Amino acid sequence: MRLRNRLLLLALVILGGLVAIPGWGQNQPQAASSKPATASAASTREKNLQEYINLMRADVRQQKAEIMGSMMLLSADDATKFWPIYSDYDAQLTKLNDQRVANIREYARTYNQMTDQKADDLVQNALSYRKQRSDLLAKTYDRVKQSLGAITAARFIQVEDQLLLIIDLQIASELPVVGQGS
């Protein structure tokens, strides 16, 4: 159970969550209860987790936008062209990250009962996510290049890629290596 909690917490770092949730993953004393109360507690934990993810994403998106803004060196005119493109990119990236969160949750759920088929499914999903994210970056690069030129577009790619690499490293460092299964 602690491993699952740790993996679910990892979902919070999907977009750079470098903030720890105090007490998460610690065993909480529970009174003897009926199954409906247990189901209710699980539902409450899931809702709380989703709320933490939403809050974390909002905070990280704000931080990413601030970093992007400071690194892009945009004039007022260029900013009016760039930010709508970036906002569209960010919305599409958020949808892709929902797939990543779901894949990590599935990994957590099946970690102790891993099969060859499940491992393959998880890896295929992860590879699909990476390809879709790469395609999204390429599409956004082209849009920025058309609006603002190749130098500004290259700056966007460099900054965004560095931020994504930091996030990816954080996530990879938290995920345990897949075991032998059952």
Protein backbone atom coordinates (compact mmCIF):
# COMPACT_ATOMS: atom_id res chain seq x y z
CA MET A 1 0.00 0.00 0.00
CA ARG A 2 2.84 2.40 0.77
CA LEU A 3 4.30 1.76 -2.71
CA ARG A 4 0.96 2.55 -4.29
CA ASN A 5 0.69 5.75 -2.27
CA ARG A 6 4.20 6.70 -3.35
CA LEU A 7 3.39 6.07 -7.00
CA LEU A 8 0.15 8.02 -6.74
CA LEU A 9 2.05 10.85 -5.10
CA LEU A 10 4.36 10.71 -8.09
CA ALA A 11 1.42 11.61 -10.25
CA LEU A 12 1.49 14.94 -8.44
CA VAL A 13 4.91 15.68 -9.87
CA ILE A 14 3.70 15.20 -13.40
CA LEU A 15 4.34 18.82 -14.14
CA GLY A 16 7.27 19.45 -11.92
CA GLY A 17 5.72 18.91 -8.54
CA LEU A 18 8.64 19.61 -6.32
CA VAL A 19 6.35 20.27 -3.38
CA ALA A 20 5.86 17.44 -0.89
CA ILE A 21 2.49 16.82 0.66
CA PRO A 22 3.08 16.55 4.41
CA GLY A 23 2.06 13.20 5.84
CA TRP A 24 1.14 11.61 2.50
CA GLY A 25 1.82 7.92 2.43
CA GLN A 26 2.01 7.61 6.21
CA ASN A 27 -0.15 4.98 7.76
CA GLN A 28 -3.09 6.66 9.41
CA PRO A 29 -4.73 4.92 12.37
CA GLN A 30 -8.14 3.68 11.39
CA ALA A 31 -10.96 2.52 13.59
CA ALA A 32 -12.69 -0.71 12.75
CA SER A 33 -15.29 0.10 10.15
CA SER A 34 -17.66 -1.48 7.71
CA LYS A 35 -16.93 -1.95 4.01
CA PRO A 36 -19.05 1.04 2.93
CA ALA A 37 -16.99 3.29 5.22
CA THR A 38 -13.79 1.84 3.73
CA ALA A 39 -15.08 2.47 0.21
CA SER A 40 -16.01 5.99 1.28
CA ALA A 41 -12.52 6.55 2.69
CA ALA A 42 -10.96 5.30 -0.56
CA SER A 43 -13.24 7.60 -2.53
CA THR A 44 -12.28 10.52 -0.30
CA ARG A 45 -8.57 9.73 -0.73
CA GLU A 46 -9.02 9.58 -4.50
CA LYS A 47 -10.88 12.92 -4.53
CA ASN A 48 -8.18 14.47 -2.33
CA LEU A 49 -5.46 13.12 -4.61
CA GLN A 50 -7.22 14.53 -7.67
CA GLU A 51 -7.58 17.90 -5.93
CA TYR A 52 -3.85 17.90 -5.06
CA ILE A 53 -3.02 17.09 -8.68
CA ASN A 54 -5.22 19.92 -9.92
CA LEU A 55 -3.71 22.41 -7.46
CA MET A 56 -0.19 21.26 -8.28
CA ARG A 57 -0.79 21.56 -12.00
CA ALA A 58 -2.17 25.08 -11.65
CA ASP A 59 0.84 26.12 -9.57
CA VAL A 60 3.33 24.48 -11.91
CA ARG A 61 1.67 25.97 -15.00
CA GLN A 62 1.96 29.39 -13.38
CA GLN A 63 5.64 28.81 -12.56
CA LYS A 64 6.36 27.51 -16.07
CA ALA A 65 4.67 30.54 -17.61
CA GLU A 66 6.73 32.87 -15.42
CA ILE A 67 9.96 31.11 -16.37
CA MET A 68 8.96 31.11 -20.04
CA GLY A 69 8.07 34.79 -19.88
CA SER A 70 11.39 35.74 -18.33
CA MET A 71 13.41 33.64 -20.78
CA MET A 72 11.60 34.51 -24.02
CA LEU A 73 12.62 38.21 -24.04
CA LEU A 74 9.47 39.22 -25.94
CA SER A 75 8.47 42.72 -26.96
CA ALA A 76 4.87 43.70 -26.20
CA ASP A 77 3.92 43.05 -29.82
CA ASP A 78 5.64 39.65 -29.86
CA ALA A 79 4.05 38.72 -26.54
CA THR A 80 0.56 39.25 -27.99
CA LYS A 81 1.46 36.72 -30.68
CA PHE A 82 3.30 34.23 -28.48
CA TRP A 83 1.04 33.78 -25.44
CA PRO A 84 -2.06 32.53 -27.28
CA ILE A 85 0.11 29.93 -29.01
CA TYR A 86 1.69 28.94 -25.69
CA SER A 87 -1.71 28.76 -23.96
CA ASP A 88 -3.00 26.42 -26.65
CA TYR A 89 0.16 24.30 -26.35
CA ASP A 90 -0.19 24.17 -22.56
CA ALA A 91 -3.84 23.07 -22.78
CA GLN A 92 -2.92 20.27 -25.19
CA LEU A 93 0.04 19.26 -23.01
CA THR A 94 -2.25 19.06 -19.99
CA LYS A 95 -4.50 16.61 -21.86
CA LEU A 96 -1.45 14.52 -22.77
CA ASN A 97 -0.32 14.59 -19.16
CA ASP A 98 -3.70 13.14 -18.16
CA GLN A 99 -2.66 10.06 -20.17
CA ARG A 100 0.66 9.99 -18.33
CA VAL A 101 -1.04 10.22 -14.94
CA ALA A 102 -3.38 7.38 -15.90
CA ASN A 103 -0.43 5.24 -16.98
CA ILE A 104 1.42 5.89 -13.72
CA ARG A 105 -1.72 5.06 -11.74
CA GLU A 106 -2.07 1.81 -13.67
CA TYR A 107 1.58 1.03 -12.96
CA ALA A 108 0.96 1.63 -9.25
CA ARG A 109 -2.19 -0.48 -9.30
CA THR A 110 -0.55 -3.45 -11.01
CA TYR A 111 3.01 -3.15 -9.71
CA ASN A 112 2.82 -6.21 -7.44
CA GLN A 113 0.99 -8.33 -10.03
CA MET A 114 3.02 -7.37 -13.10
CA THR A 115 2.73 -9.61 -16.14
CA ASP A 116 4.58 -9.49 -19.43
CA GLN A 117 1.43 -8.21 -21.15
CA LYS A 118 0.82 -5.48 -18.55
CA ALA A 119 4.48 -4.38 -18.68
CA ASP A 120 4.30 -4.17 -22.46
CA ASP A 121 1.03 -2.22 -22.34
CA LEU A 122 2.50 0.28 -19.86
CA VAL A 123 5.66 0.78 -21.92
CA GLN A 124 3.67 1.16 -25.16
CA ASN A 125 1.50 3.80 -23.44
CA ALA A 126 4.60 5.63 -22.19
CA LEU A 127 6.18 5.57 -25.65
CA SER A 128 2.96 6.81 -27.22
CA TYR A 129 2.89 9.69 -24.72
CA ARG A 130 6.47 10.65 -25.57
CA LYS A 131 5.74 10.60 -29.31
CA GLN A 132 2.59 12.68 -28.92
CA ARG A 133 4.44 15.19 -26.73
CA SER A 134 7.28 15.42 -29.26
CA ASP A 135 4.77 15.94 -32.07
CA LEU A 136 3.04 18.66 -30.05
CA LEU A 137 6.36 20.42 -29.45
CA ALA A 138 7.19 20.25 -33.17
CA LYS A 139 3.77 21.62 -34.12
CA THR A 140 4.11 24.44 -31.58
CA TYR A 141 7.64 25.22 -32.80
CA ASP A 142 6.27 25.64 -36.32
CA ARG A 143 3.48 27.93 -35.10
CA VAL A 144 5.89 30.11 -33.11
CA LYS A 145 8.33 30.18 -36.04
CA GLN A 146 5.60 31.34 -38.42
CA SER A 147 4.49 34.07 -36.04
CA LEU A 148 7.78 35.21 -34.52
CA GLY A 149 10.66 33.71 -36.49
CA ALA A 150 13.01 30.78 -36.04
CA ILE A 151 15.22 32.38 -33.35
CA THR A 152 12.28 33.01 -31.02
CA ALA A 153 10.87 29.57 -31.81
CA ALA A 154 14.25 27.99 -31.03
CA ARG A 155 14.34 29.85 -27.71
CA PHE A 156 10.86 28.51 -26.92
CA ILE A 157 11.94 24.94 -27.70
CA GLN A 158 15.11 25.26 -25.63
CA VAL A 159 13.34 26.61 -22.56
CA GLU A 160 10.38 24.23 -22.79
CA ASP A 161 12.61 21.23 -23.45
CA GLN A 162 14.75 22.04 -20.41
CA LEU A 163 11.66 22.34 -18.22
CA LEU A 164 10.26 19.06 -19.53
CA LEU A 165 13.60 17.30 -18.98
CA ILE A 166 13.65 18.44 -15.35
CA ILE A 167 10.11 17.17 -14.88
CA ASP A 168 10.91 13.87 -16.60
CA LEU A 169 13.99 13.37 -14.43
CA GLN A 170 11.98 14.04 -11.28
CA ILE A 171 9.36 11.49 -12.32
CA ALA A 172 11.90 8.87 -13.42
CA SER A 173 13.83 9.19 -10.18
CA GLU A 174 10.68 8.42 -8.17
CA LEU A 175 9.40 5.45 -10.15
CA PRO A 176 10.64 2.09 -8.92
CA VAL A 177 12.03 -0.25 -11.54
CA VAL A 178 9.52 -2.89 -12.54
CA GLY A 179 9.86 -6.15 -10.65
CA GLN A 180 9.37 -9.75 -11.65
CA GLY A 181 5.63 -9.77 -11.00
CA SER A 182 3.83 -12.54 -9.23
